[in-house]
Amino acid sequence: MQEAWLQLRCPDCTKHWEATPTDLPSPDTQFSCDGCGAERSLSEFMKTARDLELLREFHA
């Protein structure tokens, strides 16, 4: 099985990075940006709708 990489983007400072679904908590978990410290639901850090969909499928 090929490993998925999800694209994340901070809604406050616009920092971009990638992570695998296994490295991330569920989409509704509070998450903090390493760049600026902004704290929001992880789902708000997903760069695309497809990234959010893949994360939700992984944590279903």
PDB file of N, CA and C in Angstrom:
ATOM      1  N   MET A   1       0.839  -1.176   0.000  1.00  0.00           N
ATOM      2  CA  MET A   1       0.000   0.000   0.000  1.00  0.00           C
ATOM      3  C   MET A   1       0.888   1.246   0.000  1.00  0.00           C
ATOM      4  N   GLN A   2       0.531   2.210  -0.816  1.00  0.00           N
ATOM      5  CA  GLN A   2       1.280   3.450  -0.904  1.00  0.00           C
ATOM      6  C   GLN A   2       0.875   4.373   0.240  1.00  0.00           C
ATOM      7  N   GLU A   3       1.853   5.029   0.830  1.00  0.00           N
ATOM      8  CA  GLU A   3       1.587   5.930   1.941  1.00  0.00           C
ATOM      9  C   GLU A   3       1.081   7.271   1.418  1.00  0.00           C
ATOM     10  N   ALA A   4       0.062   7.821   2.072  1.00  0.00           N
ATOM     11  CA  ALA A   4      -0.508   9.103   1.672  1.00  0.00           C
ATOM     12  C   ALA A   4       0.183  10.241   2.413  1.00  0.00           C
ATOM     13  N   TRP A   5       0.362  11.330   1.736  1.00  0.00           N
ATOM     14  CA  TRP A   5       0.870  12.554   2.350  1.00  0.00           C
ATOM     15  C   TRP A   5      -0.205  13.610   2.236  1.00  0.00           C
ATOM     16  N   LEU A   6      -0.521  14.233   3.349  1.00  0.00           N
ATOM     17  CA  LEU A   6      -1.527  15.277   3.375  1.00  0.00           C
ATOM     18  C   LEU A   6      -0.838  16.636   3.431  1.00  0.00           C
ATOM     19  N   GLN A   7      -1.415  17.601   2.738  1.00  0.00           N
ATOM     20  CA  GLN A   7      -0.886  18.958   2.745  1.00  0.00           C
ATOM     21  C   GLN A   7      -1.628  19.772   3.795  1.00  0.00           C
ATOM     22  N   LEU A   8      -0.864  20.453   4.637  1.00  0.00           N
ATOM     23  CA  LEU A   8      -1.444  21.317   5.655  1.00  0.00           C
ATOM     24  C   LEU A   8      -1.006  22.752   5.418  1.00  0.00           C
ATOM     25  N   ARG A   9      -1.865  23.677   5.827  1.00  0.00           N
ATOM     26  CA  ARG A   9      -1.576  25.104   5.694  1.00  0.00           C
ATOM     27  C   ARG A   9      -2.190  25.815   6.883  1.00  0.00           C
ATOM     28  N   CYS A  10      -1.390  26.572   7.605  1.00  0.00           N
ATOM     29  CA  CYS A  10      -1.909  27.322   8.747  1.00  0.00           C
ATOM     30  C   CYS A  10      -2.796  28.449   8.244  1.00  0.00           C
ATOM     31  N   PRO A  11      -4.035  28.540   8.765  1.00  0.00           N
ATOM     32  CA  PRO A  11      -4.926  29.617   8.324  1.00  0.00           C
ATOM     33  C   PRO A  11      -4.480  30.998   8.788  1.00  0.00           C
ATOM     34  N   ASP A  12      -3.582  31.072   9.776  1.00  0.00           N
ATOM     35  CA  ASP A  12      -3.137  32.377  10.279  1.00  0.00           C
ATOM     36  C   ASP A  12      -1.846  32.857   9.618  1.00  0.00           C
ATOM     37  N   CYS A  13      -0.795  32.024   9.659  1.00  0.00           N
ATOM     38  CA  CYS A  13       0.506  32.477   9.137  1.00  0.00           C
ATOM     39  C   CYS A  13       0.811  31.922   7.749  1.00  0.00           C
ATOM     40  N   THR A  14      -0.030  31.068   7.218  1.00  0.00           N
ATOM     41  CA  THR A  14       0.070  30.432   5.895  1.00  0.00           C
ATOM     42  C   THR A  14       1.293  29.526   5.730  1.00  0.00           C
ATOM     43  N   LYS A  15       1.879  29.078   6.835  1.00  0.00           N
ATOM     44  CA  LYS A  15       2.963  28.100   6.756  1.00  0.00           C
ATOM     45  C   LYS A  15       2.416  26.831   6.108  1.00  0.00           C
ATOM     46  N   HIS A  16       3.204  26.214   5.212  1.00  0.00           N
ATOM     47  CA  HIS A  16       2.825  24.978   4.529  1.00  0.00           C
ATOM     48  C   HIS A  16       3.726  23.847   4.996  1.00  0.00           C
ATOM     49  N   TRP A  17       3.155  22.646   5.134  1.00  0.00           N
ATOM     50  CA  TRP A  17       3.937  21.447   5.418  1.00  0.00           C
ATOM     51  C   TRP A  17       3.126  20.221   5.053  1.00  0.00           C
ATOM     52  N   GLU A  18       3.769  19.058   5.097  1.00  0.00           N
ATOM     53  CA  GLU A  18       3.110  17.793   4.775  1.00  0.00           C
ATOM     54  C   GLU A  18       3.241  16.844   5.958  1.00  0.00           C
ATOM     55  N   ALA A  19       2.273  15.944   6.091  1.00  0.00           N
ATOM     56  CA  ALA A  19       2.291  14.920   7.135  1.00  0.00           C
ATOM     57  C   ALA A  19       1.512  13.715   6.643  1.00  0.00           C
ATOM     58  N   THR A  20       1.788  12.577   7.228  1.00  0.00           N
ATOM     59  CA  THR A  20       1.022  11.376   6.897  1.00  0.00           C
ATOM     60  C   THR A  20      -0.161  11.283   7.855  1.00  0.00           C
ATOM     61  N   PRO A  21      -1.242  10.632   7.449  1.00  0.00           N
ATOM     62  CA  PRO A  21      -2.402  10.494   8.337  1.00  0.00           C
ATOM     63  C   PRO A  21      -2.050   9.794   9.651  1.00  0.00           C
ATOM     64  N   THR A  22      -1.061   8.903   9.620  1.00  0.00           N
ATOM     65  CA  THR A  22      -0.671   8.206  10.848  1.00  0.00           C
ATOM     66  C   THR A  22       0.009   9.138  11.843  1.00  0.00           C
ATOM     67  N   ASP A  23       0.538  10.267  11.374  1.00  0.00           N
ATOM     68  CA  ASP A  23       1.198  11.236  12.250  1.00  0.00           C
ATOM     69  C   ASP A  23       0.232  12.283  12.807  1.00  0.00           C
ATOM     70  N   LEU A  24      -1.023  12.244  12.380  1.00  0.00           N
ATOM     71  CA  LEU A  24      -1.981  13.271  12.769  1.00  0.00           C
ATOM     72  C   LEU A  24      -3.127  12.693  13.593  1.00  0.00           C
ATOM     73  N   PRO A  25      -3.679  13.504  14.497  1.00  0.00           N
ATOM     74  CA  PRO A  25      -4.857  13.069  15.255  1.00  0.00           C
ATOM     75  C   PRO A  25      -6.114  13.182  14.390  1.00  0.00           C
ATOM     76  N   SER A  26      -7.255  12.901  14.965  1.00  0.00           N
ATOM     77  CA  SER A  26      -8.520  12.995  14.224  1.00  0.00           C
ATOM     78  C   SER A  26      -8.791  14.448  13.822  1.00  0.00           C
ATOM     79  N   PRO A  27      -9.610  14.664  12.787  1.00  0.00           N
ATOM     80  CA  PRO A  27      -9.839  16.012  12.250  1.00  0.00           C
ATOM     81  C   PRO A  27     -10.433  17.013  13.242  1.00  0.00           C
ATOM     82  N   ASP A  28     -11.157  16.544  14.252  1.00  0.00           N
ATOM     83  CA  ASP A  28     -11.800  17.453  15.203  1.00  0.00           C
ATOM     84  C   ASP A  28     -10.912  17.830  16.383  1.00  0.00           C
ATOM     85  N   THR A  29      -9.720  17.255  16.455  1.00  0.00           N
ATOM     86  CA  THR A  29      -8.795  17.516  17.551  1.00  0.00           C
ATOM     87  C   THR A  29      -8.205  18.921  17.418  1.00  0.00           C
ATOM     88  N   GLN A  30      -8.027  19.601  18.554  1.00  0.00           N
ATOM     89  CA  GLN A  30      -7.359  20.898  18.547  1.00  0.00           C
ATOM     90  C   GLN A  30      -5.905  20.684  18.141  1.00  0.00           C
ATOM     91  N   PHE A  31      -5.397  21.549  17.282  1.00  0.00           N
ATOM     92  CA  PHE A  31      -4.068  21.405  16.692  1.00  0.00           C
ATOM     93  C   PHE A  31      -3.397  22.764  16.712  1.00  0.00           C
ATOM     94  N   SER A  32      -2.092  22.790  16.926  1.00  0.00           N
ATOM     95  CA  SER A  32      -1.345  24.048  16.978  1.00  0.00           C
ATOM     96  C   SER A  32      -0.310  24.108  15.864  1.00  0.00           C
ATOM     97  N   CYS A  33      -0.179  25.276  15.275  1.00  0.00           N
ATOM     98  CA  CYS A  33       0.838  25.524  14.253  1.00  0.00           C
ATOM     99  C   CYS A  33       2.190  25.706  14.943  1.00  0.00           C
ATOM    100  N   ASP A  34       3.215  25.011  14.443  1.00  0.00           N
ATOM    101  CA  ASP A  34       4.564  25.168  14.988  1.00  0.00           C
ATOM    102  C   ASP A  34       5.154  26.530  14.644  1.00  0.00           C
ATOM    103  N   GLY A  35       4.644  27.145  13.598  1.00  0.00           N
ATOM    104  CA  GLY A  35       5.193  28.428  13.154  1.00  0.00           C
ATOM    105  C   GLY A  35       4.726  29.610  13.969  1.00  0.00           C
ATOM    106  N   CYS A  36       3.414  29.692  14.226  1.00  0.00           N
ATOM    107  CA  CYS A  36       2.884  30.884  14.900  1.00  0.00           C
ATOM    108  C   CYS A  36       2.114  30.567  16.183  1.00  0.00           C
ATOM    109  N   GLY A  37       1.850  29.288  16.436  1.00  0.00           N
ATOM    110  CA  GLY A  37       1.137  28.916  17.659  1.00  0.00           C
ATOM    111  C   GLY A  37      -0.374  28.980  17.553  1.00  0.00           C
ATOM    112  N   ALA A  38      -0.900  29.285  16.378  1.00  0.00           N
ATOM    113  CA  ALA A  38      -2.356  29.336  16.198  1.00  0.00           C
ATOM    114  C   ALA A  38      -2.947  27.975  16.546  1.00  0.00           C
ATOM    115  N   GLU A  39      -4.048  27.980  17.278  1.00  0.00           N
ATOM    116  CA  GLU A  39      -4.693  26.733  17.669  1.00  0.00           C
ATOM    117  C   GLU A  39      -6.117  26.704  17.136  1.00  0.00           C
ATOM    118  N   ARG A  40      -6.392  25.658  16.363  1.00  0.00           N
ATOM    119  CA  ARG A  40      -7.706  25.458  15.758  1.00  0.00           C
ATOM    120  C   ARG A  40      -7.949  23.967  15.601  1.00  0.00           C
ATOM    121  N   SER A  41      -9.130  23.636  15.127  1.00  0.00           N
ATOM    122  CA  SER A  41      -9.428  22.248  14.781  1.00  0.00           C
ATOM    123  C   SER A  41      -8.496  21.832  13.648  1.00  0.00           C
ATOM    124  N   LEU A  42      -7.970  20.609  13.716  1.00  0.00           N
ATOM    125  CA  LEU A  42      -7.053  20.137  12.672  1.00  0.00           C
ATOM    126  C   LEU A  42      -7.675  20.251  11.286  1.00  0.00           C
ATOM    127  N   SER A  43      -8.975  20.053  11.180  1.00  0.00           N
ATOM    128  CA  SER A  43      -9.629  20.134   9.868  1.00  0.00           C
ATOM    129  C   SER A  43      -9.413  21.495   9.203  1.00  0.00           C
ATOM    130  N   GLU A  44      -9.230  22.563   9.989  1.00  0.00           N
ATOM    131  CA  GLU A  44      -9.003  23.888   9.418  1.00  0.00           C
ATOM    132  C   GLU A  44      -7.597  24.047   8.847  1.00  0.00           C
ATOM    133  N   PHE A  45      -6.689  23.115   9.171  1.00  0.00           N
ATOM    134  CA  PHE A  45      -5.323  23.163   8.657  1.00  0.00           C
ATOM    135  C   PHE A  45      -5.166  22.382   7.355  1.00  0.00           C
ATOM    136  N   MET A  46      -6.167  21.620   6.956  1.00  0.00           N
ATOM    137  CA  MET A  46      -6.067  20.849   5.723  1.00  0.00           C
ATOM    138  C   MET A  46      -6.087  21.804   4.534  1.00  0.00           C
ATOM    139  N   LYS A  47      -5.130  21.656   3.639  1.00  0.00           N
ATOM    140  CA  LYS A  47      -5.006  22.581   2.510  1.00  0.00           C
ATOM    141  C   LYS A  47      -6.123  22.399   1.488  1.00  0.00           C
ATOM    142  N   THR A  48      -6.522  21.149   1.234  1.00  0.00           N
ATOM    143  CA  THR A  48      -7.566  20.900   0.243  1.00  0.00           C
ATOM    144  C   THR A  48      -8.681  20.047   0.844  1.00  0.00           C
ATOM    145  N   ALA A  49      -9.806  20.037   0.193  1.00  0.00           N
ATOM    146  CA  ALA A  49     -10.928  19.190   0.622  1.00  0.00           C
ATOM    147  C   ALA A  49     -10.538  17.720   0.525  1.00  0.00           C
ATOM    148  N   ARG A  50      -9.728  17.371  -0.448  1.00  0.00           N
ATOM    149  CA  ARG A  50      -9.287  15.976  -0.600  1.00  0.00           C
ATOM    150  C   ARG A  50      -8.400  15.556   0.579  1.00  0.00           C
ATOM    151  N   ASP A  51      -7.531  16.451   1.046  1.00  0.00           N
ATOM    152  CA  ASP A  51      -6.705  16.157   2.215  1.00  0.00           C
ATOM    153  C   ASP A  51      -7.589  15.875   3.433  1.00  0.00           C
ATOM    154  N   LEU A  52      -8.612  16.685   3.623  1.00  0.00           N
ATOM    155  CA  LEU A  52      -9.539  16.486   4.744  1.00  0.00           C
ATOM    156  C   LEU A  52     -10.302  15.176   4.590  1.00  0.00           C
ATOM    157  N   GLU A  53     -10.722  14.871   3.389  1.00  0.00           N
ATOM    158  CA  GLU A  53     -11.438  13.618   3.121  1.00  0.00           C
ATOM    159  C   GLU A  53     -10.566  12.405   3.453  1.00  0.00           C
ATOM    160  N   LEU A  54      -9.311  12.434   3.045  1.00  0.00           N
ATOM    161  CA  LEU A  54      -8.395  11.326   3.332  1.00  0.00           C
ATOM    162  C   LEU A  54      -8.156  11.177   4.836  1.00  0.00           C
ATOM    163  N   LEU A  55      -8.016  12.293   5.547  1.00  0.00           N
ATOM    164  CA  LEU A  55      -7.825  12.235   6.996  1.00  0.00           C
ATOM    165  C   LEU A  55      -9.048  11.647   7.678  1.00  0.00           C
ATOM    166  N   ARG A  56     -10.225  12.067   7.246  1.00  0.00           N
ATOM    167  CA  ARG A  56     -11.470  11.528   7.836  1.00  0.00           C
ATOM    168  C   ARG A  56     -11.603  10.025   7.565  1.00  0.00           C
ATOM    169  N   GLU A  57     -11.264   9.591   6.362  1.00  0.00           N
ATOM    170  CA  GLU A  57     -11.325   8.165   6.030  1.00  0.00           C
ATOM    171  C   GLU A  57     -10.352   7.357   6.902  1.00  0.00           C
ATOM    172  N   PHE A  58      -9.180   7.907   7.134  1.00  0.00           N
ATOM    173  CA  PHE A  58      -8.179   7.208   7.930  1.00  0.00           C
ATOM    174  C   PHE A  58      -8.636   7.052   9.384  1.00  0.00           C
ATOM    175  N   HIS A  59      -9.328   8.044   9.908  1.00  0.00           N
ATOM    176  CA  HIS A  59      -9.754   8.025  11.309  1.00  0.00           C
ATOM    177  C   HIS A  59     -11.195   7.542  11.491  1.00  0.00           C
ATOM    178  N   ALA A  60     -11.793   6.997  10.453  1.00  0.00           N
ATOM    179  CA  ALA A  60     -13.178   6.514  10.544  1.00  0.00           C
ATOM    180  C   ALA A  60     -13.272   5.235  11.350  1.00  0.00           C
TER     181      ALA A  60
END
